[in-house]
Protein backbone atom coordinates (compact mmCIF):
# COMPACT_ATOMS: atom_id res chain seq x y z
CA UNK A 1 -112.81 51.86 -250.29
CA UNK A 2 -111.12 49.54 -252.70
CA UNK A 3 -112.25 45.92 -252.92
CA UNK A 4 -109.13 44.74 -254.70
CA UNK A 5 -107.63 41.71 -253.04
CA UNK A 6 -103.84 41.57 -252.70
CA UNK A 7 -102.18 39.37 -255.26
CA UNK A 8 -100.34 37.45 -252.62
CA UNK A 9 -103.62 36.12 -251.28
CA UNK A 10 -104.40 34.05 -254.37
CA UNK A 11 -102.51 30.98 -255.57
CA UNK A 12 -102.70 30.10 -259.21
CA UNK A 13 -104.12 26.55 -259.66
CA UNK A 14 -101.77 26.01 -262.53
CA UNK A 15 -98.85 26.74 -260.29
CA UNK A 16 -100.12 24.26 -257.76
CA UNK A 17 -100.35 21.56 -260.36
CA UNK A 18 -96.91 22.23 -261.65
CA UNK A 19 -95.59 22.09 -258.17
CA UNK A 20 -97.29 18.82 -257.49
CA UNK A 21 -95.99 17.25 -260.64
CA UNK A 22 -92.43 18.26 -259.84
CA UNK A 23 -92.40 17.34 -256.16
CA UNK A 24 -89.94 14.49 -256.49
CA UNK A 25 -87.42 16.48 -258.48
CA UNK A 26 -87.69 19.35 -256.03
CA UNK A 27 -87.10 17.04 -253.13
CA UNK A 28 -83.95 15.71 -254.70
CA UNK A 29 -82.74 19.24 -255.37
CA UNK A 30 -83.63 20.23 -251.83
CA UNK A 31 -81.68 17.33 -250.43
CA UNK A 32 -78.74 18.20 -252.64
CA UNK A 33 -79.00 21.82 -251.58
CA UNK A 34 -79.17 20.79 -247.94
CA UNK A 35 -76.10 18.62 -248.40
CA UNK A 36 -74.28 21.50 -250.00
CA UNK A 37 -75.40 23.81 -247.18
CA UNK A 38 -74.17 21.34 -244.59
CA UNK A 39 -70.78 21.20 -246.24
CA UNK A 40 -70.54 24.97 -246.38
CA UNK A 41 -72.14 25.94 -243.06
CA UNK A 42 -71.16 23.97 -239.88
CA UNK A 43 -73.71 22.47 -237.65
CA UNK A 44 -74.66 23.96 -234.28
CA UNK A 45 -72.61 21.34 -232.42
CA UNK A 46 -69.56 22.15 -234.48
CA UNK A 47 -70.06 25.85 -233.87
CA UNK A 48 -70.35 25.29 -230.13
CA UNK A 49 -67.28 23.03 -230.15
CA UNK A 50 -65.21 25.59 -232.07
CA UNK A 51 -66.32 28.41 -229.82
CA UNK A 52 -65.49 26.32 -226.74
CA UNK A 53 -62.01 25.52 -228.03
CA UNK A 54 -61.36 29.18 -228.76
CA UNK A 55 -62.57 30.20 -225.31
CA UNK A 56 -60.42 27.51 -223.62
CA UNK A 57 -57.35 28.51 -225.62
CA UNK A 58 -57.91 32.17 -224.83
CA UNK A 59 -58.48 31.38 -221.14
CA UNK A 60 -55.37 29.18 -221.01
CA UNK A 61 -53.22 31.86 -222.61
CA UNK A 62 -54.63 34.46 -220.23
CA UNK A 63 -54.04 32.17 -217.23
CA UNK A 64 -50.48 31.40 -218.34
CA UNK A 65 -49.77 35.08 -218.77
CA UNK A 66 -51.20 35.80 -215.34
CA UNK A 67 -49.15 33.03 -213.75
CA UNK A 68 -46.00 34.33 -215.44
CA UNK A 69 -46.77 37.82 -214.23
CA UNK A 70 -47.34 36.59 -210.67
CA UNK A 71 -44.15 34.51 -210.81
CA UNK A 72 -42.21 37.55 -211.98
CA UNK A 73 -43.69 39.60 -209.15
CA UNK A 74 -42.82 36.86 -206.66
CA UNK A 75 -39.28 36.63 -208.02
CA UNK A 76 -38.94 40.36 -207.68
CA UNK A 77 -40.28 40.26 -204.14
CA UNK A 78 -37.93 37.35 -203.27
CA UNK A 79 -34.98 39.30 -204.62
CA UNK A 80 -35.88 42.09 -202.23
CA UNK A 81 -35.62 39.81 -199.18
CA UNK A 82 -33.24 41.06 -196.43
CA UNK A 83 -33.56 44.65 -197.61
CA UNK A 84 -35.13 45.68 -194.31
CA UNK A 85 -33.80 45.49 -190.79
CA UNK A 86 -34.98 42.37 -189.05
CA UNK A 87 -35.49 40.26 -192.16
CA UNK A 88 -32.59 37.95 -191.31
CA UNK A 89 -34.05 37.46 -187.85
CA UNK A 90 -37.40 36.59 -189.44
CA UNK A 91 -35.56 33.98 -191.51
CA UNK A 92 -34.20 32.44 -188.29
CA UNK A 93 -30.58 33.51 -188.70
CA UNK A 94 -30.04 36.10 -185.98
CA UNK A 95 -29.77 34.92 -182.37
CA UNK A 96 -27.97 35.77 -179.14
CA UNK A 97 -24.60 34.29 -180.13
CA UNK A 98 -21.43 35.74 -181.69
CA UNK A 99 -22.59 34.27 -185.00
CA UNK A 100 -25.97 35.96 -184.70
CA UNK A 101 -24.32 39.26 -183.76
CA UNK A 102 -22.13 39.08 -186.85
CA UNK A 103 -25.16 38.36 -189.04
CA UNK A 104 -26.78 41.48 -187.59
CA UNK A 105 -23.69 43.54 -188.48
CA UNK A 106 -23.66 42.13 -192.02
CA UNK A 107 -27.32 42.98 -192.46
CA UNK A 108 -26.81 46.52 -191.14
CA UNK A 109 -23.85 47.17 -193.44
CA UNK A 110 -25.70 45.75 -196.45
CA UNK A 111 -28.84 47.82 -195.87
CA UNK A 112 -27.16 51.08 -194.79
CA UNK A 113 -24.62 51.16 -197.62
CA UNK A 114 -26.56 49.46 -200.40
CA UNK A 115 -23.48 47.45 -201.31
CA UNK A 116 -23.86 44.05 -203.00
CA UNK A 117 -23.29 41.11 -200.74
CA UNK A 118 -19.71 40.40 -201.85
CA UNK A 119 -18.75 44.00 -201.07
CA UNK A 120 -20.73 43.85 -197.81
CA UNK A 121 -18.73 40.83 -196.67
CA UNK A 122 -15.43 42.48 -197.64
CA UNK A 123 -16.32 45.79 -195.98
CA UNK A 124 -17.43 44.09 -192.76
CA UNK A 125 -14.21 42.05 -192.69
CA UNK A 126 -12.05 45.16 -193.05
CA UNK A 127 -14.11 47.00 -190.44
CA UNK A 128 -13.74 44.25 -187.81
CA UNK A 129 -10.06 43.65 -188.56
CA UNK A 130 -9.39 47.38 -188.26
CA UNK A 131 -11.09 47.42 -184.86
CA UNK A 132 -8.60 44.76 -183.71
CA UNK A 133 -5.52 46.76 -184.79
CA UNK A 134 -4.92 48.36 -181.32
CA UNK A 135 -4.70 44.88 -179.79
CA UNK A 136 -2.36 43.77 -182.58
CA UNK A 137 -0.09 46.75 -181.83
CA UNK A 138 0.21 45.71 -178.18
CA UNK A 139 0.81 42.13 -179.19
CA UNK A 140 3.52 43.13 -181.67
CA UNK A 141 5.31 45.14 -178.99
CA UNK A 142 5.15 42.25 -176.53
CA UNK A 143 6.44 39.78 -179.13
CA UNK A 144 9.31 42.07 -180.15
CA UNK A 145 10.45 42.57 -176.54
CA UNK A 146 10.27 38.83 -175.89
CA UNK A 147 12.40 38.22 -178.95
CA UNK A 148 15.01 40.76 -177.84
CA UNK A 149 15.49 39.12 -174.40
CA UNK A 150 15.49 35.62 -175.85
CA UNK A 151 19.17 34.81 -174.97
CA UNK A 152 18.75 35.79 -171.30
CA UNK A 153 15.46 33.94 -171.11
CA UNK A 154 17.00 30.78 -172.58
CA UNK A 155 19.85 30.84 -170.04
CA UNK A 156 17.44 31.24 -167.13
CA UNK A 157 15.24 28.47 -168.50
CA UNK A 158 18.23 26.12 -168.78
CA UNK A 159 19.32 26.96 -165.24
CA UNK A 160 15.84 26.26 -163.89
CA UNK A 161 15.82 22.93 -165.71
CA UNK A 162 19.12 21.90 -164.14
CA UNK A 163 17.98 23.04 -160.70
CA UNK A 164 14.83 20.99 -161.06
CA UNK A 165 16.77 17.89 -162.13
CA UNK A 166 19.06 18.20 -159.09
CA UNK A 167 16.16 18.99 -156.74
CA UNK A 168 17.81 22.27 -155.78
CA UNK A 169 14.72 24.15 -154.65
CA UNK A 170 16.65 27.22 -153.54
CA UNK A 171 18.29 27.64 -156.95
CA UNK A 172 14.98 26.96 -158.69
CA UNK A 173 13.24 29.70 -156.70
CA UNK A 174 16.11 32.11 -157.40
CA UNK A 175 16.07 31.56 -161.17
CA UNK A 176 12.29 31.76 -161.28
CA UNK A 177 12.40 35.12 -159.52
CA UNK A 178 15.04 36.34 -161.99
CA UNK A 179 12.81 35.31 -164.88
CA UNK A 180 9.85 37.27 -163.54
CA UNK A 181 12.15 40.24 -162.96
CA UNK A 182 13.30 40.02 -166.60
CA UNK A 183 9.68 40.06 -167.81
CA UNK A 184 8.78 43.02 -165.59
CA UNK A 185 11.85 45.02 -166.60
CA UNK A 186 11.16 44.59 -170.33
CA UNK A 187 7.34 44.77 -170.12
CA UNK A 188 6.74 41.42 -171.80
CA UNK A 189 5.19 38.10 -170.95
CA UNK A 190 4.74 34.89 -172.97
CA UNK A 191 1.14 34.63 -171.78
CA UNK A 192 0.28 37.80 -173.71
CA UNK A 193 1.12 35.99 -176.93
CA UNK A 194 -2.06 33.97 -176.43
CA UNK A 195 -4.07 37.14 -177.02
CA UNK A 196 -3.93 36.81 -180.81
CA UNK A 197 -5.65 33.41 -181.10
CA UNK A 198 -8.06 34.39 -178.34
CA UNK A 199 -9.05 37.45 -180.38
CA UNK A 200 -9.05 36.09 -183.90
CA UNK A 201 -10.38 32.56 -183.41
CA UNK A 202 -13.92 33.66 -182.39
CA UNK A 203 -14.04 36.14 -185.28
CA UNK A 204 -12.90 33.58 -187.86
CA UNK A 205 -15.27 30.90 -186.60
CA UNK A 206 -18.20 33.34 -186.44
CA UNK A 207 -17.59 34.53 -190.00
CA UNK A 208 -17.41 30.96 -191.28
CA UNK A 209 -20.59 29.82 -189.52
CA UNK A 210 -22.55 32.98 -190.37
CA UNK A 211 -21.72 32.92 -194.08
CA UNK A 212 -22.25 29.16 -194.29
CA UNK A 213 -25.72 29.43 -192.76
CA UNK A 214 -26.65 32.43 -194.94
CA UNK A 215 -25.55 30.53 -198.06
CA UNK A 216 -27.28 27.28 -197.11
CA UNK A 217 -30.61 28.93 -196.26
CA UNK A 218 -30.09 30.72 -198.66
CA UNK A 219 -30.46 34.47 -198.28
CA UNK A 220 -32.14 35.22 -201.65
CA UNK A 221 -29.83 38.05 -202.66
CA UNK A 222 -26.82 35.77 -202.17
CA UNK A 223 -27.74 34.10 -205.48
CA UNK A 224 -26.86 37.27 -207.37
CA UNK A 225 -24.64 38.92 -204.79
CA UNK A 226 -21.28 37.90 -206.21
CA UNK A 227 -19.05 39.42 -208.86
CA UNK A 228 -17.13 38.26 -211.89
CA UNK A 229 -17.25 34.50 -212.40
CA UNK A 230 -18.77 33.77 -208.97
CA UNK A 231 -22.06 35.67 -209.11
CA UNK A 232 -23.82 33.06 -206.95
CA UNK A 233 -22.42 33.20 -203.42
CA UNK A 234 -24.42 30.17 -202.31
CA UNK A 235 -22.49 27.64 -204.43
CA UNK A 236 -18.86 26.58 -204.78
CA UNK A 237 -16.59 28.14 -207.35
CA UNK A 238 -16.74 25.79 -210.38
CA UNK A 239 -13.35 27.03 -211.61
CA UNK A 240 -11.60 26.36 -208.24
CA UNK A 241 -9.90 29.75 -208.52
CA UNK A 242 -11.13 30.93 -205.11
CA UNK A 243 -9.76 27.97 -203.07
CA UNK A 244 -6.42 28.09 -204.91
CA UNK A 245 -6.01 31.86 -204.40
CA UNK A 246 -6.98 31.48 -200.73
CA UNK A 247 -4.30 28.83 -200.29
CA UNK A 248 -1.70 31.06 -201.96
CA UNK A 249 -2.69 33.91 -199.66
CA UNK A 250 -2.17 31.68 -196.65
CA UNK A 251 1.30 30.76 -197.92
CA UNK A 252 2.16 34.42 -198.53
CA UNK A 253 1.26 35.34 -194.95
CA UNK A 254 3.39 32.50 -193.62
CA UNK A 255 6.40 33.59 -195.68
CA UNK A 256 6.01 37.24 -194.64
CA UNK A 257 6.23 36.30 -190.98
CA UNK A 258 4.06 36.05 -187.92
CA UNK A 259 1.24 38.53 -187.63
CA UNK A 260 2.12 38.82 -183.96
CA UNK A 261 5.38 40.58 -184.68
CA UNK A 262 7.11 39.56 -187.87
CA UNK A 263 9.28 37.03 -186.05
CA UNK A 264 10.45 34.26 -188.35
CA UNK A 265 8.87 30.90 -187.65
CA UNK A 266 10.93 27.73 -187.21
CA UNK A 267 11.60 25.76 -190.38
CA UNK A 268 9.70 22.72 -189.12
CA UNK A 269 6.63 24.85 -188.43
CA UNK A 270 6.86 26.41 -191.89
CA UNK A 271 6.92 23.00 -193.50
CA UNK A 272 3.83 21.96 -191.58
CA UNK A 273 2.03 25.14 -192.64
CA UNK A 274 3.02 24.59 -196.28
CA UNK A 275 1.47 21.13 -196.21
CA UNK A 276 -1.67 22.56 -194.63
CA UNK A 277 -1.90 25.24 -197.33
CA UNK A 278 -1.80 22.62 -200.09
CA UNK A 279 -4.36 20.45 -198.27
CA UNK A 280 -6.72 23.43 -198.00
CA UNK A 281 -7.58 23.28 -201.71
CA UNK A 282 -9.29 19.85 -201.80
CA UNK A 283 -10.71 20.31 -198.30
CA UNK A 284 -12.42 23.63 -199.03
CA UNK A 285 -13.20 23.53 -202.75
CA UNK A 286 -16.90 22.73 -202.08
CA UNK A 287 -17.40 25.63 -199.67
CA UNK A 288 -19.81 28.42 -200.73
CA UNK A 289 -18.15 31.32 -202.52
CA UNK A 290 -19.26 33.70 -199.77
CA UNK A 291 -16.77 32.10 -197.36
CA UNK A 292 -13.90 32.63 -199.79
CA UNK A 293 -14.79 36.31 -200.12
CA UNK A 294 -14.13 36.62 -196.39
CA UNK A 295 -10.93 34.57 -196.51
CA UNK A 296 -9.49 36.48 -199.45
CA UNK A 297 -10.25 39.83 -197.84
CA UNK A 298 -8.82 38.71 -194.50
CA UNK A 299 -5.63 37.36 -196.14
CA UNK A 300 -5.08 40.60 -198.04
CA UNK A 301 -5.61 42.64 -194.87
CA UNK A 302 -3.20 40.45 -192.88
CA UNK A 303 -0.48 40.60 -195.55
CA UNK A 304 -0.79 44.37 -195.71
CA UNK A 305 -0.75 44.64 -191.93
CA UNK A 306 2.46 42.58 -191.60
CA UNK A 307 4.18 44.65 -194.29
CA UNK A 308 2.96 47.90 -192.71
CA UNK A 309 4.26 47.07 -189.24
CA UNK A 310 7.68 46.15 -190.60
CA UNK A 311 8.33 49.77 -191.56
CA UNK A 312 10.77 51.43 -189.08
CA UNK A 313 8.76 54.66 -189.00
CA UNK A 314 5.57 52.77 -188.16
CA UNK A 315 7.26 50.76 -185.41
CA UNK A 316 8.69 53.94 -183.93
CA UNK A 317 5.29 55.66 -184.03
CA UNK A 318 3.59 52.78 -182.21
CA UNK A 319 6.56 52.27 -179.83
CA UNK A 320 7.30 48.76 -181.16
CA UNK A 321 10.98 47.86 -180.64
CA UNK A 322 13.09 46.85 -183.60
CA UNK A 323 13.98 43.17 -183.66
CA UNK A 324 17.54 42.29 -182.60
CA UNK A 325 19.39 39.81 -184.80
CA UNK A 326 20.71 37.31 -182.28
CA UNK A 327 23.68 35.13 -183.28
CA UNK A 328 22.63 31.70 -184.37
CA UNK A 329 23.22 28.97 -181.77
CA UNK A 330 26.02 26.55 -182.41
CA UNK A 331 25.03 23.49 -184.31
CA UNK A 332 24.69 20.58 -181.95
CA UNK A 333 26.90 17.56 -182.50
CA UNK A 334 25.44 14.90 -184.71
CA UNK A 335 23.59 12.33 -182.70
CA UNK A 336 24.99 8.79 -183.13
CA UNK A 337 22.90 6.15 -184.81
CA UNK A 338 21.49 3.02 -183.21
CA UNK A 339 24.46 0.77 -184.07
CA UNK A 340 26.94 3.40 -182.96
CA UNK A 341 25.09 3.85 -179.69
CA UNK A 342 24.95 0.09 -179.17
CA UNK A 343 28.66 -0.30 -179.88
CA UNK A 344 29.55 2.54 -177.53
CA UNK A 345 27.35 1.09 -174.84
CA UNK A 346 28.90 -2.36 -175.29
CA UNK A 347 32.44 -1.01 -175.20
CA UNK A 348 31.61 1.13 -172.20
CA UNK A 349 30.22 -1.91 -170.41
CA UNK A 350 33.34 -3.91 -171.12
CA UNK A 351 35.54 -1.08 -169.89
CA UNK A 352 33.49 -0.79 -166.72
CA UNK A 353 33.68 -4.54 -166.15
CA UNK A 354 37.44 -4.56 -166.63
CA UNK A 355 37.78 -1.65 -164.24
CA UNK A 356 35.74 -3.47 -161.62
CA UNK A 357 37.90 -6.58 -162.05
CA UNK A 358 41.08 -4.52 -161.71
CA UNK A 359 39.76 -2.87 -158.56
CA UNK A 360 38.78 -6.24 -157.10
CA UNK A 361 42.19 -7.70 -157.93
CA UNK A 362 43.93 -4.72 -156.38
CA UNK A 363 41.89 -5.20 -153.22
CA UNK A 364 42.84 -8.85 -153.13
CA UNK A 365 46.51 -7.97 -153.53
CA UNK A 366 46.32 -5.44 -150.73
CA UNK A 367 44.55 -7.93 -148.48
CA UNK A 368 47.20 -10.58 -149.21
CA UNK A 369 50.00 -8.11 -148.45
CA UNK A 370 48.43 -7.12 -145.14
CA UNK A 371 48.04 -10.79 -144.20
CA UNK A 372 51.66 -11.45 -145.04
CA UNK A 373 52.82 -8.53 -142.87
CA UNK A 374 50.76 -9.77 -139.92
CA UNK A 375 52.29 -13.24 -140.23
CA UNK A 376 55.81 -11.79 -140.29
CA UNK A 377 55.11 -9.79 -137.14
CA UNK A 378 53.94 -12.88 -135.32
CA UNK A 379 57.17 -14.73 -136.19
CA UNK A 380 59.25 -11.87 -134.88
């Protein structure tokens, strides 16, 4: 076995002495080396701080990405609201009223056809207006027959008015019976003309309220359910094109004639309707675009319906009489003004007073003559 001791186990005394003599210089070098090491290699605190900042930044970026992803998923899920039957009811829109029933129909059409909301509103409008066509046909026939017997009806009405003023009950009963006979013979009645507003008013009001509520909620898909420049059906048209076009459609319908039968309206009524059409623009310009989609569709349908029922072949098919052109009534004499009426009244009063004075004087003359004759008889 070898007895040689490893070299590493012995320390040379000379080396120890040299090391001792150079301790101060070594310390300075060590300090300098440590300073250099500190400047090159960060401390543990700095390392921990840097690692913490990196972890926080990474975590923040990851969290932000996750939030964005969740927001996108939520937006996508919100966009899909009202894609299933019963969703509008869950939103509190559908109830047991005509408005709620219309909202149910809108939801059914939207889901079953897959149409965007603007097309859903238009399609539902056309569908409901088409369902009312049979009633419009009956109303047009009634209005046409009333128009054709207008001269006879006016004469009977004037006779009844005179009989009422003179308290002639027998004549009043006779003319009233003749009027009812005229209605029965021609299958017409003025009361039937009330059918149009009774039919259309609930539909118009229900559409307005339903679309207003759906836009104000709003139904999420309404925000992207429009077309062209009005993609958001929940807000007003910023260009004001929709209210202006709706007003023009209203004017066009008025000029075409009454929907009840194409009978021309009186000039005074037309002027009132023209003023209303102009006033519609500022009054409705803040309405949601969804309401104007209904109005525009309804106006187009009405204009087409009036034009369609003016065709002779169509009127013959539906047994609607052609309108008779009655001669225009004679123009009434111009009514006198206030001063003219006052002058005539004053002159008439003077004439009446003079007549009374002449009558009184004549009576006095007659009385004097009779007295004179009596006196002459007594003398005889």
